[in-house]
Structure formats: C-alpha cells, structure tokens
Amino acid sequence: MNTFSRASLLLLLALAGSCQSNNDAATVAADLNSSNPAVVEQARRVQLLEGQIKQQEAVIEAEKTKLEAMQQQLAGVRQTLEGVKKEDRAAQ
C-alpha cells in the first residue's frame, strides 16, 4: 500500500473511531450518573480502561516514531560506510 492510500485509510479510520467514541463517551457519562451502583462501577471501569488504552496508543505512536528515526539513522550510517569503503578502495 502506498503512503497516500495508507494515510487516507488511517484518517478515515480515525474519523470513524472518533464518531463512535463520542457516542460511547456520552453513554458512559450517562452511566456514571446511573442510580444503579453496578452500572456506575462498570462505567468507571470502562472509563479507566479507555484512558489506559489511549495512553498505550500514545506510547506505541511515540515508539513507532522513534523506530522510524532509528531506521533512517541506520540507512544514513550504511551509506556513510559504503562511502568510506569506496574511498578506501580508491586510495589503494
């Protein structure tokens, strides 16, 4: 999949997820005000897990960015190595 179509797909998924997330958030908010303690407890658990998932997703995205930077650095170092080897061969 090329970069453009991948980015488009990610954007569409994010938009779809945010619409669903807004509806879910409203439902959870209403459930937190329920007169049924069991409903309130489960709504709190949902809220807690959603927060943990968002945090983990942020960590994953940061690690992906870090990995991409390291891959780019590796590619640059490999190119430098090839250049040094060529200079060495030319000098001999």
C-alpha atoms as a PDB file:
ATOM      1  CA  MET A   1       0.000   0.000   0.000  1.00  0.00           C
ATOM      2  CA  ASN A   2       1.457   3.348  -0.939  1.00  0.00           C
ATOM      3  CA  THR A   3       1.923   6.139   1.588  1.00  0.00           C
ATOM      4  CA  PHE A   4      -1.007   8.207   0.338  1.00  0.00           C
ATOM      5  CA  SER A   5      -3.556   5.412   0.496  1.00  0.00           C
ATOM      6  CA  ARG A   6      -2.221   4.282   3.887  1.00  0.00           C
ATOM      7  CA  ALA A   7      -2.538   7.819   5.241  1.00  0.00           C
ATOM      8  CA  SER A   8      -6.042   8.137   3.779  1.00  0.00           C
ATOM      9  CA  LEU A   9      -7.094   4.849   5.330  1.00  0.00           C
ATOM     10  CA  LEU A  10      -5.705   5.873   8.723  1.00  0.00           C
ATOM     11  CA  LEU A  11      -7.537   9.194   8.529  1.00  0.00           C
ATOM     12  CA  LEU A  12     -10.841   7.513   7.663  1.00  0.00           C
ATOM     13  CA  LEU A  13     -10.427   5.011  10.494  1.00  0.00           C
ATOM     14  CA  ALA A  14      -9.608   7.801  12.937  1.00  0.00           C
ATOM     15  CA  LEU A  15     -12.680   9.791  11.883  1.00  0.00           C
ATOM     16  CA  ALA A  16     -14.919   6.760  12.144  1.00  0.00           C
ATOM     17  CA  GLY A  17     -13.462   5.927  15.532  1.00  0.00           C
ATOM     18  CA  SER A  18     -13.942   9.449  16.831  1.00  0.00           C
ATOM     19  CA  CYS A  19     -17.629   9.413  15.890  1.00  0.00           C
ATOM     20  CA  GLN A  20     -18.119   6.111  17.677  1.00  0.00           C
ATOM     21  CA  SER A  21     -16.005   7.321  20.579  1.00  0.00           C
ATOM     22  CA  ASN A  22     -18.160  10.436  21.026  1.00  0.00           C
ATOM     23  CA  ASN A  23     -21.309   8.310  21.217  1.00  0.00           C
ATOM     24  CA  ASP A  24     -19.632   5.887  23.621  1.00  0.00           C
ATOM     25  CA  ALA A  25     -18.373   8.738  25.806  1.00  0.00           C
ATOM     26  CA  ALA A  26     -21.875  10.179  26.083  1.00  0.00           C
ATOM     27  CA  THR A  27     -23.240   6.760  27.028  1.00  0.00           C
ATOM     28  CA  VAL A  28     -20.520   6.222  29.649  1.00  0.00           C
ATOM     29  CA  ALA A  29     -21.083   9.707  31.058  1.00  0.00           C
ATOM     30  CA  ALA A  30     -24.775   8.945  31.433  1.00  0.00           C
ATOM     31  CA  ASP A  31     -23.982   5.569  33.003  1.00  0.00           C
ATOM     32  CA  LEU A  32     -21.738   7.261  35.580  1.00  0.00           C
ATOM     33  CA  ASN A  33     -24.866   9.095  36.802  1.00  0.00           C
ATOM     34  CA  SER A  34     -26.984   5.948  36.988  1.00  0.00           C
ATOM     35  CA  SER A  35     -28.878   5.134  40.157  1.00  0.00           C
ATOM     36  CA  ASN A  36     -27.691   1.524  39.804  1.00  0.00           C
ATOM     37  CA  PRO A  37     -24.318   1.106  41.571  1.00  0.00           C
ATOM     38  CA  ALA A  38     -23.381  -1.851  39.358  1.00  0.00           C
ATOM     39  CA  VAL A  39     -23.849   0.284  36.232  1.00  0.00           C
ATOM     40  CA  VAL A  40     -21.784   3.091  37.762  1.00  0.00           C
ATOM     41  CA  GLU A  41     -18.978   0.682  38.679  1.00  0.00           C
ATOM     42  CA  GLN A  42     -18.846  -0.812  35.195  1.00  0.00           C
ATOM     43  CA  ALA A  43     -18.924   2.667  33.633  1.00  0.00           C
ATOM     44  CA  ARG A  44     -15.933   3.617  35.797  1.00  0.00           C
ATOM     45  CA  ARG A  45     -14.097   0.517  34.656  1.00  0.00           C
ATOM     46  CA  VAL A  46     -14.881   1.372  31.017  1.00  0.00           C
ATOM     47  CA  GLN A  47     -13.581   4.898  31.571  1.00  0.00           C
ATOM     48  CA  LEU A  48     -10.414   3.629  33.248  1.00  0.00           C
ATOM     49  CA  LEU A  49      -9.656   1.121  30.502  1.00  0.00           C
ATOM     50  CA  GLU A  50     -10.341   3.666  27.766  1.00  0.00           C
ATOM     51  CA  GLY A  51      -7.854   6.015  29.418  1.00  0.00           C
ATOM     52  CA  GLN A  52      -5.262   3.251  29.687  1.00  0.00           C
ATOM     53  CA  ILE A  53      -5.768   2.324  26.040  1.00  0.00           C
ATOM     54  CA  LYS A  54      -5.297   5.949  24.936  1.00  0.00           C
ATOM     55  CA  GLN A  55      -2.096   6.163  26.965  1.00  0.00           C
ATOM     56  CA  GLN A  56      -0.805   2.916  25.475  1.00  0.00           C
ATOM     57  CA  GLU A  57      -1.653   4.082  21.960  1.00  0.00           C
ATOM     58  CA  ALA A  58       0.321   7.274  22.586  1.00  0.00           C
ATOM     59  CA  VAL A  59       3.294   5.210  23.784  1.00  0.00           C
ATOM     60  CA  ILE A  60       3.049   2.995  20.708  1.00  0.00           C
ATOM     61  CA  GLU A  61       2.956   6.001  18.367  1.00  0.00           C
ATOM     62  CA  ALA A  62       5.973   7.523  20.106  1.00  0.00           C
ATOM     63  CA  GLU A  63       7.855   4.243  19.801  1.00  0.00           C
ATOM     64  CA  LYS A  64       6.926   3.964  16.112  1.00  0.00           C
ATOM     65  CA  THR A  65       8.306   7.456  15.545  1.00  0.00           C
ATOM     66  CA  LYS A  66      11.465   6.550  17.437  1.00  0.00           C
ATOM     67  CA  LEU A  67      11.841   3.348  15.398  1.00  0.00           C
ATOM     68  CA  GLU A  68      11.439   5.235  12.118  1.00  0.00           C
ATOM     69  CA  ALA A  69      14.115   7.720  13.190  1.00  0.00           C
ATOM     70  CA  MET A  70      16.471   4.874  14.089  1.00  0.00           C
ATOM     71  CA  GLN A  71      15.818   3.195  10.735  1.00  0.00           C
ATOM     72  CA  GLN A  72      16.621   6.438   8.933  1.00  0.00           C
ATOM     73  CA  GLN A  73      19.774   6.815  11.014  1.00  0.00           C
ATOM     74  CA  LEU A  74      20.797   3.253  10.163  1.00  0.00           C
ATOM     75  CA  ALA A  75      20.258   3.907   6.464  1.00  0.00           C
ATOM     76  CA  GLY A  76      22.469   7.011   6.702  1.00  0.00           C
ATOM     77  CA  VAL A  77      25.190   5.167   8.579  1.00  0.00           C
ATOM     78  CA  ARG A  78      25.137   2.371   5.991  1.00  0.00           C
ATOM     79  CA  GLN A  79      25.522   4.927   3.211  1.00  0.00           C
ATOM     80  CA  THR A  80      28.421   6.501   5.062  1.00  0.00           C
ATOM     81  CA  LEU A  81      30.024   3.076   5.458  1.00  0.00           C
ATOM     82  CA  GLU A  82      29.736   2.429   1.738  1.00  0.00           C
ATOM     83  CA  GLY A  83      31.282   5.825   1.013  1.00  0.00           C
ATOM     84  CA  VAL A  84      34.194   5.181   3.358  1.00  0.00           C
ATOM     85  CA  LYS A  85      34.788   1.768   1.793  1.00  0.00           C
ATOM     86  CA  LYS A  86      34.790   3.300  -1.707  1.00  0.00           C
ATOM     87  CA  GLU A  87      37.291   5.949  -0.613  1.00  0.00           C
ATOM     88  CA  ASP A  88      39.457   3.248   0.904  1.00  0.00           C
ATOM     89  CA  ARG A  89      39.422   1.186  -2.298  1.00  0.00           C
ATOM     90  CA  ALA A  90      40.169   4.267  -4.397  1.00  0.00           C
ATOM     91  CA  ALA A  91      43.130   5.156  -2.159  1.00  0.00           C
ATOM     92  CA  GLN A  92      44.732   1.728  -2.545  1.00  0.00           C
END
